[in-house]
C-alpha atoms as a PDB file:
ATOM      1  CA  MET A   1     -69.768 -47.784  69.120  1.00  0.00           C
ATOM      2  CA  ASN A   2     -67.893 -46.406  65.981  1.00  0.00           C
ATOM      3  CA  PHE A   3     -64.847 -45.724  65.516  1.00  0.00           C
ATOM      4  CA  ARG A   4     -65.491 -41.697  65.582  1.00  0.00           C
ATOM      5  CA  THR A   5     -67.683 -41.866  69.094  1.00  0.00           C
ATOM      6  CA  GLN A   6     -63.894 -43.758  69.706  1.00  0.00           C
ATOM      7  CA  MET A   7     -61.940 -40.825  68.919  1.00  0.00           C
ATOM      8  CA  ASP A   8     -64.308 -38.105  70.543  1.00  0.00           C
ATOM      9  CA  ILE A   9     -63.930 -39.722  73.831  1.00  0.00           C
ATOM     10  CA  THR A  10     -60.918 -39.318  73.987  1.00  0.00           C
ATOM     11  CA  THR A  11     -59.802 -36.449  72.629  1.00  0.00           C
ATOM     12  CA  ILE A  12     -62.124 -35.519  75.474  1.00  0.00           C
ATOM     13  CA  ARG A  13     -60.523 -37.238  77.855  1.00  0.00           C
ATOM     14  CA  ARG A  14     -57.336 -35.500  76.576  1.00  0.00           C
ATOM     15  CA  SER A  15     -58.571 -31.945  76.920  1.00  0.00           C
ATOM     16  CA  LEU A  16     -59.718 -32.849  80.137  1.00  0.00           C
ATOM     17  CA  PHE A  17     -56.459 -34.189  80.960  1.00  0.00           C
ATOM     18  CA  THR A  18     -54.378 -31.335  79.654  1.00  0.00           C
ATOM     19  CA  LEU A  19     -56.977 -28.624  81.193  1.00  0.00           C
ATOM     20  CA  THR A  20     -56.713 -30.322  84.753  1.00  0.00           C
ATOM     21  CA  THR A  21     -52.739 -30.836  84.960  1.00  0.00           C
ATOM     22  CA  LEU A  22     -52.805 -27.185  84.019  1.00  0.00           C
ATOM     23  CA  ILE A  23     -55.441 -26.251  86.380  1.00  0.00           C
ATOM     24  CA  LEU A  24     -53.457 -27.910  89.053  1.00  0.00           C
ATOM     25  CA  SER A  25     -49.823 -26.475  87.960  1.00  0.00           C
ATOM     26  CA  VAL A  26     -51.986 -23.009  87.957  1.00  0.00           C
ATOM     27  CA  GLY A  27     -52.083 -23.677  91.645  1.00  0.00           C
ATOM     28  CA  VAL A  28     -48.338 -25.256  92.631  1.00  0.00           C
ATOM     29  CA  HIS A  29     -47.128 -22.459  91.046  1.00  0.00           C
ATOM     30  CA  ALA A  30     -49.542 -19.644  92.942  1.00  0.00           C
ATOM     31  CA  GLN A  31     -49.064 -21.537  96.180  1.00  0.00           C
ATOM     32  CA  LYS A  32     -45.699 -22.038  95.586  1.00  0.00           C
ATOM     33  CA  ASP A  33     -44.227 -18.444  97.921  1.00  0.00           C
ATOM     34  CA  ARG A  34     -46.534 -19.149 100.734  1.00  0.00           C
ATOM     35  CA  THR A  35     -46.671 -21.790 103.933  1.00  0.00           C
ATOM     36  CA  LYS A  36     -49.589 -23.879 104.014  1.00  0.00           C
ATOM     37  CA  GLU A  37     -51.100 -21.436 106.325  1.00  0.00           C
ATOM     38  CA  GLY A  38     -51.191 -18.622 103.084  1.00  0.00           C
ATOM     39  CA  TYR A  39     -48.309 -16.509 104.653  1.00  0.00           C
ATOM     40  CA  ALA A  40     -46.259 -15.028 102.489  1.00  0.00           C
ATOM     41  CA  LEU A  41     -42.490 -16.686 102.287  1.00  0.00           C
ATOM     42  CA  ASN A  42     -40.766 -14.072 100.851  1.00  0.00           C
ATOM     43  CA  TRP A  43     -41.457 -10.139 101.791  1.00  0.00           C
ATOM     44  CA  ASP A  44     -42.670  -7.413  98.734  1.00  0.00           C
ATOM     45  CA  LYS A  45     -44.405  -5.514 100.698  1.00  0.00           C
ATOM     46  CA  PRO A  46     -43.254  -1.732 101.532  1.00  0.00           C
ATOM     47  CA  ILE A  47     -42.761  -1.114 104.805  1.00  0.00           C
ATOM     48  CA  VAL A  48     -43.615   3.038 105.050  1.00  0.00           C
ATOM     49  CA  VAL A  49     -44.255   4.903 107.896  1.00  0.00           C
ATOM     50  CA  VAL A  50     -46.028   7.788 107.727  1.00  0.00           C
ATOM     51  CA  ALA A  51     -47.049  10.831 110.237  1.00  0.00           C
ATOM     52  CA  ASP A  52     -50.401  10.698 111.853  1.00  0.00           C
ATOM     53  CA  SER A  53     -52.174  11.364 115.055  1.00  0.00           C
ATOM     54  CA  ILE A  54     -53.980   9.688 117.752  1.00  0.00           C
ATOM     55  CA  SER A  55     -56.809  10.801 119.620  1.00  0.00           C
ATOM     56  CA  ASN A  56     -57.029  10.880 123.354  1.00  0.00           C
ATOM     57  CA  GLY A  57     -59.654  11.217 124.903  1.00  0.00           C
ATOM     58  CA  THR A  58     -60.980  15.323 123.836  1.00  0.00           C
ATOM     59  CA  HIS A  59     -57.537  15.715 122.860  1.00  0.00           C
ATOM     60  CA  ARG A  60     -55.643  14.833 119.023  1.00  0.00           C
ATOM     61  CA  LEU A  61     -51.772  14.326 119.728  1.00  0.00           C
ATOM     62  CA  PRO A  62     -49.112  13.529 117.163  1.00  0.00           C
ATOM     63  CA  ALA A  63     -47.944   9.819 116.063  1.00  0.00           C
ATOM     64  CA  TRP A  64     -47.213   8.094 113.455  1.00  0.00           C
ATOM     65  CA  THR A  65     -48.813   5.120 111.133  1.00  0.00           C
ATOM     66  CA  VAL A  66     -47.659   1.740 110.632  1.00  0.00           C
ATOM     67  CA  SER A  67     -49.059  -0.779 108.309  1.00  0.00           C
ATOM     68  CA  ILE A  68     -48.058  -4.333 108.978  1.00  0.00           C
ATOM     69  CA  PHE A  69     -49.349  -6.861 106.410  1.00  0.00           C
ATOM     70  CA  GLU A  70     -50.933 -10.523 107.087  1.00  0.00           C
ATOM     71  CA  THR A  71     -52.223 -10.385 110.295  1.00  0.00           C
ATOM     72  CA  ASP A  72     -54.948  -8.834 112.373  1.00  0.00           C
ATOM     73  CA  ALA A  73     -55.923  -6.062 115.012  1.00  0.00           C
ATOM     74  CA  ASN A  74     -56.674  -7.880 118.220  1.00  0.00           C
ATOM     75  CA  THR A  75     -53.054  -9.753 117.270  1.00  0.00           C
ATOM     76  CA  VAL A  76     -51.079  -6.520 116.935  1.00  0.00           C
ATOM     77  CA  LEU A  77     -52.663  -5.162 119.880  1.00  0.00           C
ATOM     78  CA  ASP A  78     -51.968  -8.222 122.376  1.00  0.00           C
ATOM     79  CA  LEU A  79     -48.369  -8.380 121.519  1.00  0.00           C
ATOM     80  CA  TRP A  80     -48.010  -4.875 121.727  1.00  0.00           C
ATOM     81  CA  ARG A  81     -49.632  -5.079 124.868  1.00  0.00           C
ATOM     82  CA  THR A  82     -46.915  -8.130 125.981  1.00  0.00           C
ATOM     83  CA  ASP A  83     -44.106  -6.105 124.922  1.00  0.00           C
ATOM     84  CA  MET A  84     -45.578  -2.316 126.808  1.00  0.00           C
ATOM     85  CA  LYS A  85     -45.918  -4.743 129.767  1.00  0.00           C
ATOM     86  CA  ALA A  86     -41.947  -5.806 130.087  1.00  0.00           C
ATOM     87  CA  ILE A  87     -41.387  -1.760 129.961  1.00  0.00           C
ATOM     88  CA  SER A  88     -43.727   0.337 131.920  1.00  0.00           C
ATOM     89  CA  LEU A  89     -45.219   0.489 134.886  1.00  0.00           C
ATOM     90  CA  GLY A  90     -48.262  -0.409 133.183  1.00  0.00           C
ATOM     91  CA  VAL A  91     -51.180  -0.689 130.218  1.00  0.00           C
ATOM     92  CA  SER A  92     -54.692   0.515 130.182  1.00  0.00           C
ATOM     93  CA  GLY A  93     -57.414   1.609 128.300  1.00  0.00           C
ATOM     94  CA  LYS A  94     -58.998   0.259 124.882  1.00  0.00           C
ATOM     95  CA  LYS A  95     -58.979   2.719 122.445  1.00  0.00           C
ATOM     96  CA  PRO A  96     -56.638   4.045 122.318  1.00  0.00           C
ATOM     97  CA  LEU A  97     -54.085   2.298 124.595  1.00  0.00           C
ATOM     98  CA  LYS A  98     -51.863   3.819 127.231  1.00  0.00           C
ATOM     99  CA  ALA A  99     -49.153   2.071 128.703  1.00  0.00           C
ATOM    100  CA  SER A 100     -47.592   4.391 131.111  1.00  0.00           C
ATOM    101  CA  GLY A 101     -44.032   5.111 132.605  1.00  0.00           C
ATOM    102  CA  VAL A 102     -42.402   3.791 129.793  1.00  0.00           C
ATOM    103  CA  THR A 103     -38.644   3.476 129.535  1.00  0.00           C
ATOM    104  CA  ILE A 104     -37.484   3.451 125.449  1.00  0.00           C
ATOM    105  CA  ALA A 105     -33.668   4.002 125.125  1.00  0.00           C
ATOM    106  CA  ASP A 106     -32.732   7.097 123.433  1.00  0.00           C
ATOM    107  CA  LEU A 107     -36.378   8.343 124.364  1.00  0.00           C
ATOM    108  CA  GLY A 108     -35.499   8.115 128.020  1.00  0.00           C
ATOM    109  CA  SER A 109     -38.341   6.904 131.157  1.00  0.00           C
ATOM    110  CA  GLY A 110     -41.245   8.207 132.159  1.00  0.00           C
ATOM    111  CA  LEU A 111     -42.960   7.900 128.388  1.00  0.00           C
ATOM    112  CA  MET A 112     -47.208   7.453 127.986  1.00  0.00           C
ATOM    113  CA  VAL A 113     -47.392   5.343 124.815  1.00  0.00           C
ATOM    114  CA  MET A 114     -50.751   4.528 123.344  1.00  0.00           C
ATOM    115  CA  ALA A 115     -51.606   2.395 120.345  1.00  0.00           C
ATOM    116  CA  GLN A 116     -54.467   1.710 118.438  1.00  0.00           C
ATOM    117  CA  ALA A 117     -55.406  -0.536 114.873  1.00  0.00           C
ATOM    118  CA  SER A 118     -57.608  -1.717 112.350  1.00  0.00           C
ATOM    119  CA  THR A 119     -58.281  -4.052 110.432  1.00  0.00           C
ATOM    120  CA  ASP A 120     -58.400  -3.463 106.181  1.00  0.00           C
ATOM    121  CA  LYS A 121     -59.531  -6.871 106.052  1.00  0.00           C
ATOM    122  CA  LYS A 122     -59.723  -5.867 102.151  1.00  0.00           C
ATOM    123  CA  ALA A 123     -55.397  -5.193 101.891  1.00  0.00           C
ATOM    124  CA  LYS A 124     -55.000  -7.782 104.229  1.00  0.00           C
ATOM    125  CA  LEU A 125     -53.328  -5.161 106.390  1.00  0.00           C
ATOM    126  CA  VAL A 126     -53.933  -3.273 109.992  1.00  0.00           C
ATOM    127  CA  GLN A 127     -52.610  -0.013 110.431  1.00  0.00           C
ATOM    128  CA  VAL A 128     -51.063   0.821 113.025  1.00  0.00           C
ATOM    129  CA  HIS A 129     -50.945   4.456 114.877  1.00  0.00           C
ATOM    130  CA  HIS A 130     -48.111   4.920 117.413  1.00  0.00           C
ATOM    131  CA  GLY A 131     -48.462   8.432 119.453  1.00  0.00           C
ATOM    132  CA  ILE A 132     -45.810   8.926 122.681  1.00  0.00           C
ATOM    133  CA  ARG A 133     -45.734  11.578 125.065  1.00  0.00           C
ATOM    134  CA  HIS A 134     -43.602  12.759 127.928  1.00  0.00           C
ATOM    135  CA  GLU A 135     -44.905  12.455 131.717  1.00  0.00           C
END
């Protein structure tokens, strides 16, 4: 092996070491604001409530839509169902879920609360639609 070949190998090794270090540092930097599961540690998403509607059979009722990030529709609706069971007479249905006999401070009692959710995988969020009406 001559001097030039030895120099080329050394240069290649340095370049590979530098490139590897750069790639690893970018990966570490990109991950430093996330948990090991990939959830954000610093909240940078908007919290927005938008007027919308929800269908209950053939009826369309006023509702509100909220975006929830870093989850899926099933998880959100499971949590909703659990919370509604604690403040209602019962939860039924699928699309939408319906909680009847709900009591909410400042809104009163005897309410029907409906919820429906859909996952937007590309945006990594869930759109949750809530409707409230007096029974």
